[in-house]
Amino acid sequence: SVEKNTKDYFIAWLILEFFLIGVFSLLDLLMFYILFESVLVPMYVIVGLWGSRERKIRAAYFLFLYTLIGSVLMLIGILY
């Protein structure tokens, strides 16, 4: 729970915020894509560790999977 691991929770949010600031402030398309993908890691950790139900690991997995599929399509669009 968040009450027990408050430090880890806020570190994950700060890392997520750092990546999101980078995503929306970059003008280089390749670095945008790399930081966009980097956002997935702290989101997976936050949902997987501090989710509200017993299916939080499954929800984190599907969040990661669906976002990754969309990101692969975006990469194809960037490269094409």
PDB file of N, CA and C in Angstrom:
ATOM      1  N   SER A   1       0.829  -1.188   0.000  1.00  0.00           N
ATOM      2  CA  SER A   1       0.000   0.000   0.000  1.00  0.00           C
ATOM      3  C   SER A   1       0.870   1.246   0.000  1.00  0.00           C
ATOM      4  N   VAL A   2       0.263   2.354  -0.301  1.00  0.00           N
ATOM      5  CA  VAL A   2       0.998   3.613  -0.401  1.00  0.00           C
ATOM      6  C   VAL A   2       1.504   4.053   0.970  1.00  0.00           C
ATOM      7  N   GLU A   3       0.766   3.736   2.022  1.00  0.00           N
ATOM      8  CA  GLU A   3       1.184   4.148   3.360  1.00  0.00           C
ATOM      9  C   GLU A   3       2.494   3.492   3.782  1.00  0.00           C
ATOM     10  N   LYS A   4       2.760   2.281   3.320  1.00  0.00           N
ATOM     11  CA  LYS A   4       3.977   1.565   3.698  1.00  0.00           C
ATOM     12  C   LYS A   4       5.171   1.952   2.828  1.00  0.00           C
ATOM     13  N   ASN A   5       4.943   2.179   1.554  1.00  0.00           N
ATOM     14  CA  ASN A   5       6.021   2.464   0.609  1.00  0.00           C
ATOM     15  C   ASN A   5       5.861   3.850   0.004  1.00  0.00           C
ATOM     16  N   THR A   6       5.692   4.838   0.843  1.00  0.00           N
ATOM     17  CA  THR A   6       5.446   6.197   0.365  1.00  0.00           C
ATOM     18  C   THR A   6       6.616   6.719  -0.453  1.00  0.00           C
ATOM     19  N   LYS A   7       7.829   6.450  -0.011  1.00  0.00           N
ATOM     20  CA  LYS A   7       9.011   6.938  -0.725  1.00  0.00           C
ATOM     21  C   LYS A   7       9.087   6.350  -2.129  1.00  0.00           C
ATOM     22  N   ASP A   8       8.888   5.056  -2.265  1.00  0.00           N
ATOM     23  CA  ASP A   8       8.934   4.407  -3.576  1.00  0.00           C
ATOM     24  C   ASP A   8       7.812   4.902  -4.481  1.00  0.00           C
ATOM     25  N   TYR A   9       6.656   5.137  -3.895  1.00  0.00           N
ATOM     26  CA  TYR A   9       5.510   5.629  -4.655  1.00  0.00           C
ATOM     27  C   TYR A   9       5.813   6.994  -5.264  1.00  0.00           C
ATOM     28  N   PHE A  10       6.334   7.893  -4.457  1.00  0.00           N
ATOM     29  CA  PHE A  10       6.628   9.233  -4.968  1.00  0.00           C
ATOM     30  C   PHE A  10       7.826   9.242  -5.921  1.00  0.00           C
ATOM     31  N   ILE A  11       8.775   8.360  -5.720  1.00  0.00           N
ATOM     32  CA  ILE A  11       9.891   8.249  -6.674  1.00  0.00           C
ATOM     33  C   ILE A  11       9.368   7.803  -8.037  1.00  0.00           C
ATOM     34  N   ALA A  12       8.448   6.838  -8.054  1.00  0.00           N
ATOM     35  CA  ALA A  12       7.868   6.386  -9.322  1.00  0.00           C
ATOM     36  C   ALA A  12       7.106   7.517 -10.003  1.00  0.00           C
ATOM     37  N   TRP A  13       6.375   8.310  -9.229  1.00  0.00           N
ATOM     38  CA  TRP A  13       5.645   9.435  -9.819  1.00  0.00           C
ATOM     39  C   TRP A  13       6.593  10.511 -10.337  1.00  0.00           C
ATOM     40  N   LEU A  14       7.683  10.758  -9.632  1.00  0.00           N
ATOM     41  CA  LEU A  14       8.645  11.755 -10.097  1.00  0.00           C
ATOM     42  C   LEU A  14       9.344  11.308 -11.381  1.00  0.00           C
ATOM     43  N   ILE A  15       9.670  10.035 -11.472  1.00  0.00           N
ATOM     44  CA  ILE A  15      10.271   9.514 -12.706  1.00  0.00           C
ATOM     45  C   ILE A  15       9.276   9.623 -13.854  1.00  0.00           C
ATOM     46  N   LEU A  16       8.021   9.279 -13.594  1.00  0.00           N
ATOM     47  CA  LEU A  16       6.986   9.410 -14.612  1.00  0.00           C
ATOM     48  C   LEU A  16       6.834  10.865 -15.044  1.00  0.00           C
ATOM     49  N   GLU A  17       6.845  11.780 -14.100  1.00  0.00           N
ATOM     50  CA  GLU A  17       6.734  13.201 -14.429  1.00  0.00           C
ATOM     51  C   GLU A  17       7.931  13.685 -15.247  1.00  0.00           C
ATOM     52  N   PHE A  18       9.124  13.227 -14.897  1.00  0.00           N
ATOM     53  CA  PHE A  18      10.324  13.594 -15.649  1.00  0.00           C
ATOM     54  C   PHE A  18      10.210  13.165 -17.106  1.00  0.00           C
ATOM     55  N   PHE A  19       9.788  11.926 -17.330  1.00  0.00           N
ATOM     56  CA  PHE A  19       9.646  11.427 -18.693  1.00  0.00           C
ATOM     57  C   PHE A  19       8.545  12.179 -19.445  1.00  0.00           C
ATOM     58  N   LEU A  20       7.444  12.486 -18.779  1.00  0.00           N
ATOM     59  CA  LEU A  20       6.362  13.199 -19.450  1.00  0.00           C
ATOM     60  C   LEU A  20       6.753  14.623 -19.818  1.00  0.00           C
ATOM     61  N   ILE A  21       7.499  15.292 -18.955  1.00  0.00           N
ATOM     62  CA  ILE A  21       7.991  16.627 -19.294  1.00  0.00           C
ATOM     63  C   ILE A  21       8.906  16.539 -20.512  1.00  0.00           C
ATOM     64  N   GLY A  22       9.741  15.511 -20.549  1.00  0.00           N
ATOM     65  CA  GLY A  22      10.607  15.313 -21.702  1.00  0.00           C
ATOM     66  C   GLY A  22       9.826  15.033 -22.970  1.00  0.00           C
ATOM     67  N   VAL A  23       8.777  14.227 -22.859  1.00  0.00           N
ATOM     68  CA  VAL A  23       7.968  13.888 -24.034  1.00  0.00           C
ATOM     69  C   VAL A  23       7.357  15.139 -24.644  1.00  0.00           C
ATOM     70  N   PHE A  24       6.815  16.011 -23.811  1.00  0.00           N
ATOM     71  CA  PHE A  24       6.094  17.165 -24.337  1.00  0.00           C
ATOM     72  C   PHE A  24       6.975  18.378 -24.589  1.00  0.00           C
ATOM     73  N   SER A  25       8.252  18.290 -24.269  1.00  0.00           N
ATOM     74  CA  SER A  25       9.123  19.431 -24.525  1.00  0.00           C
ATOM     75  C   SER A  25      10.148  19.175 -25.627  1.00  0.00           C
ATOM     76  N   LEU A  26      10.231  17.967 -26.131  1.00  0.00           N
ATOM     77  CA  LEU A  26      11.210  17.656 -27.170  1.00  0.00           C
ATOM     78  C   LEU A  26      10.691  17.994 -28.561  1.00  0.00           C
ATOM     79  N   LEU A  27      11.606  18.379 -29.407  1.00  0.00           N
ATOM     80  CA  LEU A  27      11.272  18.641 -30.804  1.00  0.00           C
ATOM     81  C   LEU A  27      11.795  17.547 -31.727  1.00  0.00           C
ATOM     82  N   ASP A  28      12.688  16.697 -31.225  1.00  0.00           N
ATOM     83  CA  ASP A  28      13.244  15.600 -32.003  1.00  0.00           C
ATOM     84  C   ASP A  28      12.290  14.407 -31.936  1.00  0.00           C
ATOM     85  N   LEU A  29      11.905  13.889 -33.089  1.00  0.00           N
ATOM     86  CA  LEU A  29      10.906  12.824 -33.147  1.00  0.00           C
ATOM     87  C   LEU A  29      11.406  11.518 -32.547  1.00  0.00           C
ATOM     88  N   LEU A  30      12.672  11.191 -32.761  1.00  0.00           N
ATOM     89  CA  LEU A  30      13.219   9.950 -32.219  1.00  0.00           C
ATOM     90  C   LEU A  30      13.288   9.987 -30.691  1.00  0.00           C
ATOM     91  N   MET A  31      13.748  11.116 -30.141  1.00  0.00           N
ATOM     92  CA  MET A  31      13.794  11.225 -28.672  1.00  0.00           C
ATOM     93  C   MET A  31      12.387  11.260 -28.072  1.00  0.00           C
ATOM     94  N   PHE A  32      11.436  11.845 -28.802  1.00  0.00           N
ATOM     95  CA  PHE A  32      10.039  11.810 -28.362  1.00  0.00           C
ATOM     96  C   PHE A  32       9.572  10.377 -28.220  1.00  0.00           C
ATOM     97  N   TYR A  33       9.876   9.553 -29.217  1.00  0.00           N
ATOM     98  CA  TYR A  33       9.458   8.156 -29.185  1.00  0.00           C
ATOM     99  C   TYR A  33      10.126   7.402 -28.040  1.00  0.00           C
ATOM    100  N   ILE A  34      11.419   7.636 -27.828  1.00  0.00           N
ATOM    101  CA  ILE A  34      12.138   6.945 -26.754  1.00  0.00           C
ATOM    102  C   ILE A  34      11.574   7.318 -25.391  1.00  0.00           C
ATOM    103  N   LEU A  35      11.333   8.605 -25.161  1.00  0.00           N
ATOM    104  CA  LEU A  35      10.774   9.010 -23.866  1.00  0.00           C
ATOM    105  C   LEU A  35       9.316   8.582 -23.733  1.00  0.00           C
ATOM    106  N   PHE A  36       8.593   8.540 -24.840  1.00  0.00           N
ATOM    107  CA  PHE A  36       7.218   8.051 -24.800  1.00  0.00           C
ATOM    108  C   PHE A  36       7.182   6.597 -24.340  1.00  0.00           C
ATOM    109  N   GLU A  37       8.120   5.813 -24.839  1.00  0.00           N
ATOM    110  CA  GLU A  37       8.216   4.416 -24.406  1.00  0.00           C
ATOM    111  C   GLU A  37       8.694   4.314 -22.958  1.00  0.00           C
ATOM    112  N   SER A  38       9.547   5.222 -22.534  1.00  0.00           N
ATOM    113  CA  SER A  38      10.058   5.193 -21.162  1.00  0.00           C
ATOM    114  C   SER A  38       8.967   5.470 -20.142  1.00  0.00           C
ATOM    115  N   VAL A  39       7.919   6.147 -20.549  1.00  0.00           N
ATOM    116  CA  VAL A  39       6.799   6.427 -19.652  1.00  0.00           C
ATOM    117  C   VAL A  39       6.116   5.128 -19.220  1.00  0.00           C
ATOM    118  N   LEU A  40       6.189   4.102 -20.057  1.00  0.00           N
ATOM    119  CA  LEU A  40       5.518   2.840 -19.752  1.00  0.00           C
ATOM    120  C   LEU A  40       6.045   2.168 -18.493  1.00  0.00           C
ATOM    121  N   VAL A  41       7.331   2.293 -18.237  1.00  0.00           N
ATOM    122  CA  VAL A  41       7.929   1.574 -17.098  1.00  0.00           C
ATOM    123  C   VAL A  41       7.387   2.082 -15.755  1.00  0.00           C
ATOM    124  N   PRO A  42       7.443   3.394 -15.449  1.00  0.00           N
ATOM    125  CA  PRO A  42       6.864   3.815 -14.166  1.00  0.00           C
ATOM    126  C   PRO A  42       5.352   3.630 -14.100  1.00  0.00           C
ATOM    127  N   MET A  43       4.655   3.730 -15.242  1.00  0.00           N
ATOM    128  CA  MET A  43       3.206   3.485 -15.219  1.00  0.00           C
ATOM    129  C   MET A  43       2.915   2.033 -14.851  1.00  0.00           C
ATOM    130  N   TYR A  44       3.697   1.115 -15.402  1.00  0.00           N
ATOM    131  CA  TYR A  44       3.529  -0.299 -15.081  1.00  0.00           C
ATOM    132  C   TYR A  44       3.779  -0.550 -13.593  1.00  0.00           C
ATOM    133  N   VAL A  45       4.814   0.073 -13.051  1.00  0.00           N
ATOM    134  CA  VAL A  45       5.141  -0.104 -11.637  1.00  0.00           C
ATOM    135  C   VAL A  45       4.042   0.478 -10.754  1.00  0.00           C
ATOM    136  N   ILE A  46       3.566   1.662 -11.076  1.00  0.00           N
ATOM    137  CA  ILE A  46       2.532   2.299 -10.256  1.00  0.00           C
ATOM    138  C   ILE A  46       1.247   1.481 -10.271  1.00  0.00           C
ATOM    139  N   VAL A  47       0.814   1.066 -11.443  1.00  0.00           N
ATOM    140  CA  VAL A  47      -0.425   0.284 -11.529  1.00  0.00           C
ATOM    141  C   VAL A  47      -0.219  -1.101 -10.926  1.00  0.00           C
ATOM    142  N   GLY A  48       0.915  -1.724 -11.172  1.00  0.00           N
ATOM    143  CA  GLY A  48       1.156  -3.079 -10.683  1.00  0.00           C
ATOM    144  C   GLY A  48       1.351  -3.176  -9.190  1.00  0.00           C
ATOM    145  N   LEU A  49       1.996  -2.191  -8.580  1.00  0.00           N
ATOM    146  CA  LEU A  49       2.252  -2.258  -7.141  1.00  0.00           C
ATOM    147  C   LEU A  49       1.183  -1.581  -6.294  1.00  0.00           C
ATOM    148  N   TRP A  50       0.646  -0.480  -6.791  1.00  0.00           N
ATOM    149  CA  TRP A  50      -0.291   0.289  -5.969  1.00  0.00           C
ATOM    150  C   TRP A  50      -1.678   0.352  -6.576  1.00  0.00           C
ATOM    151  N   GLY A  51      -2.045  -0.643  -7.361  1.00  0.00           N
ATOM    152  CA  GLY A  51      -3.403  -0.709  -7.897  1.00  0.00           C
ATOM    153  C   GLY A  51      -4.387  -0.998  -6.781  1.00  0.00           C
ATOM    154  N   SER A  52      -5.665  -0.832  -7.072  1.00  0.00           N
ATOM    155  CA  SER A  52      -6.651  -0.910  -6.000  1.00  0.00           C
ATOM    156  C   SER A  52      -7.326  -2.266  -5.861  1.00  0.00           C
ATOM    157  N   ARG A  53      -7.151  -3.167  -6.793  1.00  0.00           N
ATOM    158  CA  ARG A  53      -7.842  -4.451  -6.716  1.00  0.00           C
ATOM    159  C   ARG A  53      -6.861  -5.595  -6.842  1.00  0.00           C
ATOM    160  N   GLU A  54      -7.385  -6.808  -6.711  1.00  0.00           N
ATOM    161  CA  GLU A  54      -6.532  -7.989  -6.786  1.00  0.00           C
ATOM    162  C   GLU A  54      -6.073  -8.277  -8.207  1.00  0.00           C
ATOM    163  N   ARG A  55      -6.711  -7.687  -9.208  1.00  0.00           N
ATOM    164  CA  ARG A  55      -6.319  -7.906 -10.598  1.00  0.00           C
ATOM    165  C   ARG A  55      -5.390  -6.812 -11.108  1.00  0.00           C
ATOM    166  N   LYS A  56      -4.672  -6.176 -10.217  1.00  0.00           N
ATOM    167  CA  LYS A  56      -3.833  -5.042 -10.615  1.00  0.00           C
ATOM    168  C   LYS A  56      -2.659  -5.459 -11.500  1.00  0.00           C
ATOM    169  N   ILE A  57      -2.105  -6.644 -11.296  1.00  0.00           N
ATOM    170  CA  ILE A  57      -1.010  -7.113 -12.144  1.00  0.00           C
ATOM    171  C   ILE A  57      -1.516  -7.348 -13.564  1.00  0.00           C
ATOM    172  N   ARG A  58      -2.688  -7.924 -13.686  1.00  0.00           N
ATOM    173  CA  ARG A  58      -3.271  -8.149 -15.011  1.00  0.00           C
ATOM    174  C   ARG A  58      -3.575  -6.812 -15.685  1.00  0.00           C
ATOM    175  N   ALA A  59      -4.095  -5.864 -14.920  1.00  0.00           N
ATOM    176  CA  ALA A  59      -4.384  -4.543 -15.482  1.00  0.00           C
ATOM    177  C   ALA A  59      -3.100  -3.857 -15.935  1.00  0.00           C
ATOM    178  N   ALA A  60      -2.043  -3.975 -15.162  1.00  0.00           N
ATOM    179  CA  ALA A  60      -0.764  -3.378 -15.549  1.00  0.00           C
ATOM    180  C   ALA A  60      -0.219  -4.051 -16.798  1.00  0.00           C
ATOM    181  N   TYR A  61      -0.370  -5.349 -16.891  1.00  0.00           N
ATOM    182  CA  TYR A  61       0.099  -6.080 -18.069  1.00  0.00           C
ATOM    183  C   TYR A  61      -0.643  -5.622 -19.328  1.00  0.00           C
ATOM    184  N   PHE A  62      -1.979  -5.520 -19.237  1.00  0.00           N
ATOM    185  CA  PHE A  62      -2.752  -5.101 -20.402  1.00  0.00           C
ATOM    186  C   PHE A  62      -2.473  -3.644 -20.761  1.00  0.00           C
ATOM    187  N   LEU A  63      -2.275  -2.794 -19.764  1.00  0.00           N
ATOM    188  CA  LEU A  63      -1.906  -1.408 -20.036  1.00  0.00           C
ATOM    189  C   LEU A  63      -0.598  -1.352 -20.813  1.00  0.00           C
ATOM    190  N   PHE A  64       0.374  -2.102 -20.355  1.00  0.00           N
ATOM    191  CA  PHE A  64       1.670  -2.152 -21.030  1.00  0.00           C
ATOM    192  C   PHE A  64       1.535  -2.729 -22.439  1.00  0.00           C
ATOM    193  N   LEU A  65       0.788  -3.808 -22.576  1.00  0.00           N
ATOM    194  CA  LEU A  65       0.651  -4.482 -23.865  1.00  0.00           C
ATOM    195  C   LEU A  65      -0.049  -3.598 -24.893  1.00  0.00           C
ATOM    196  N   TYR A  66      -1.182  -3.013 -24.526  1.00  0.00           N
ATOM    197  CA  TYR A  66      -1.933  -2.194 -25.478  1.00  0.00           C
ATOM    198  C   TYR A  66      -1.163  -0.925 -25.854  1.00  0.00           C
ATOM    199  N   THR A  67      -0.487  -0.323 -24.886  1.00  0.00           N
ATOM    200  CA  THR A  67       0.291   0.868 -25.188  1.00  0.00           C
ATOM    201  C   THR A  67       1.483   0.514 -26.069  1.00  0.00           C
ATOM    202  N   LEU A  68       2.077  -0.635 -25.833  1.00  0.00           N
ATOM    203  CA  LEU A  68       3.204  -1.070 -26.656  1.00  0.00           C
ATOM    204  C   LEU A  68       2.770  -1.347 -28.095  1.00  0.00           C
ATOM    205  N   ILE A  69       1.600  -1.929 -28.268  1.00  0.00           N
ATOM    206  CA  ILE A  69       1.095  -2.175 -29.624  1.00  0.00           C
ATOM    207  C   ILE A  69       0.879  -0.848 -30.351  1.00  0.00           C
ATOM    208  N   GLY A  70       0.291   0.128 -29.661  1.00  0.00           N
ATOM    209  CA  GLY A  70       0.123   1.441 -30.260  1.00  0.00           C
ATOM    210  C   GLY A  70       1.446   2.116 -30.545  1.00  0.00           C
ATOM    211  N   SER A  71       2.427   1.895 -29.697  1.00  0.00           N
ATOM    212  CA  SER A  71       3.743   2.492 -29.893  1.00  0.00           C
ATOM    213  C   SER A  71       4.471   1.878 -31.087  1.00  0.00           C
ATOM    214  N   VAL A  72       4.282   0.594 -31.305  1.00  0.00           N
ATOM    215  CA  VAL A  72       4.897  -0.041 -32.474  1.00  0.00           C
ATOM    216  C   VAL A  72       4.303   0.539 -33.753  1.00  0.00           C
ATOM    217  N   LEU A  73       2.998   0.771 -33.745  1.00  0.00           N
ATOM    218  CA  LEU A  73       2.371   1.399 -34.909  1.00  0.00           C
ATOM    219  C   LEU A  73       2.901   2.819 -35.107  1.00  0.00           C
ATOM    220  N   MET A  74       3.123   3.535 -34.007  1.00  0.00           N
ATOM    221  CA  MET A  74       3.683   4.880 -34.114  1.00  0.00           C
ATOM    222  C   MET A  74       5.110   4.812 -34.651  1.00  0.00           C
ATOM    223  N   LEU A  75       5.898   3.833 -34.228  1.00  0.00           N
ATOM    224  CA  LEU A  75       7.264   3.678 -34.737  1.00  0.00           C
ATOM    225  C   LEU A  75       7.262   3.389 -36.237  1.00  0.00           C
ATOM    226  N   ILE A  76       6.342   2.559 -36.674  1.00  0.00           N
ATOM    227  CA  ILE A  76       6.235   2.290 -38.108  1.00  0.00           C
ATOM    228  C   ILE A  76       5.908   3.582 -38.855  1.00  0.00           C
ATOM    229  N   GLY A  77       5.015   4.389 -38.292  1.00  0.00           N
ATOM    230  CA  GLY A  77       4.687   5.660 -38.904  1.00  0.00           C
ATOM    231  C   GLY A  77       5.864   6.621 -38.929  1.00  0.00           C
ATOM    232  N   ILE A  78       6.666   6.621 -37.883  1.00  0.00           N
ATOM    233  CA  ILE A  78       7.850   7.496 -37.825  1.00  0.00           C
ATOM    234  C   ILE A  78       8.887   7.060 -38.857  1.00  0.00           C
ATOM    235  N   LEU A  79       9.108   5.759 -38.971  1.00  0.00           N
ATOM    236  CA  LEU A  79      10.127   5.256 -39.882  1.00  0.00           C
ATOM    237  C   LEU A  79       9.677   5.284 -41.337  1.00  0.00           C
ATOM    238  N   TYR A  80       8.385   5.201 -41.553  1.00  0.00           N
ATOM    239  CA  TYR A  80       7.885   5.171 -42.924  1.00  0.00           C
ATOM    240  C   TYR A  80       7.740   6.589 -43.424  1.00  0.00           C
TER     241      TYR A  80
END
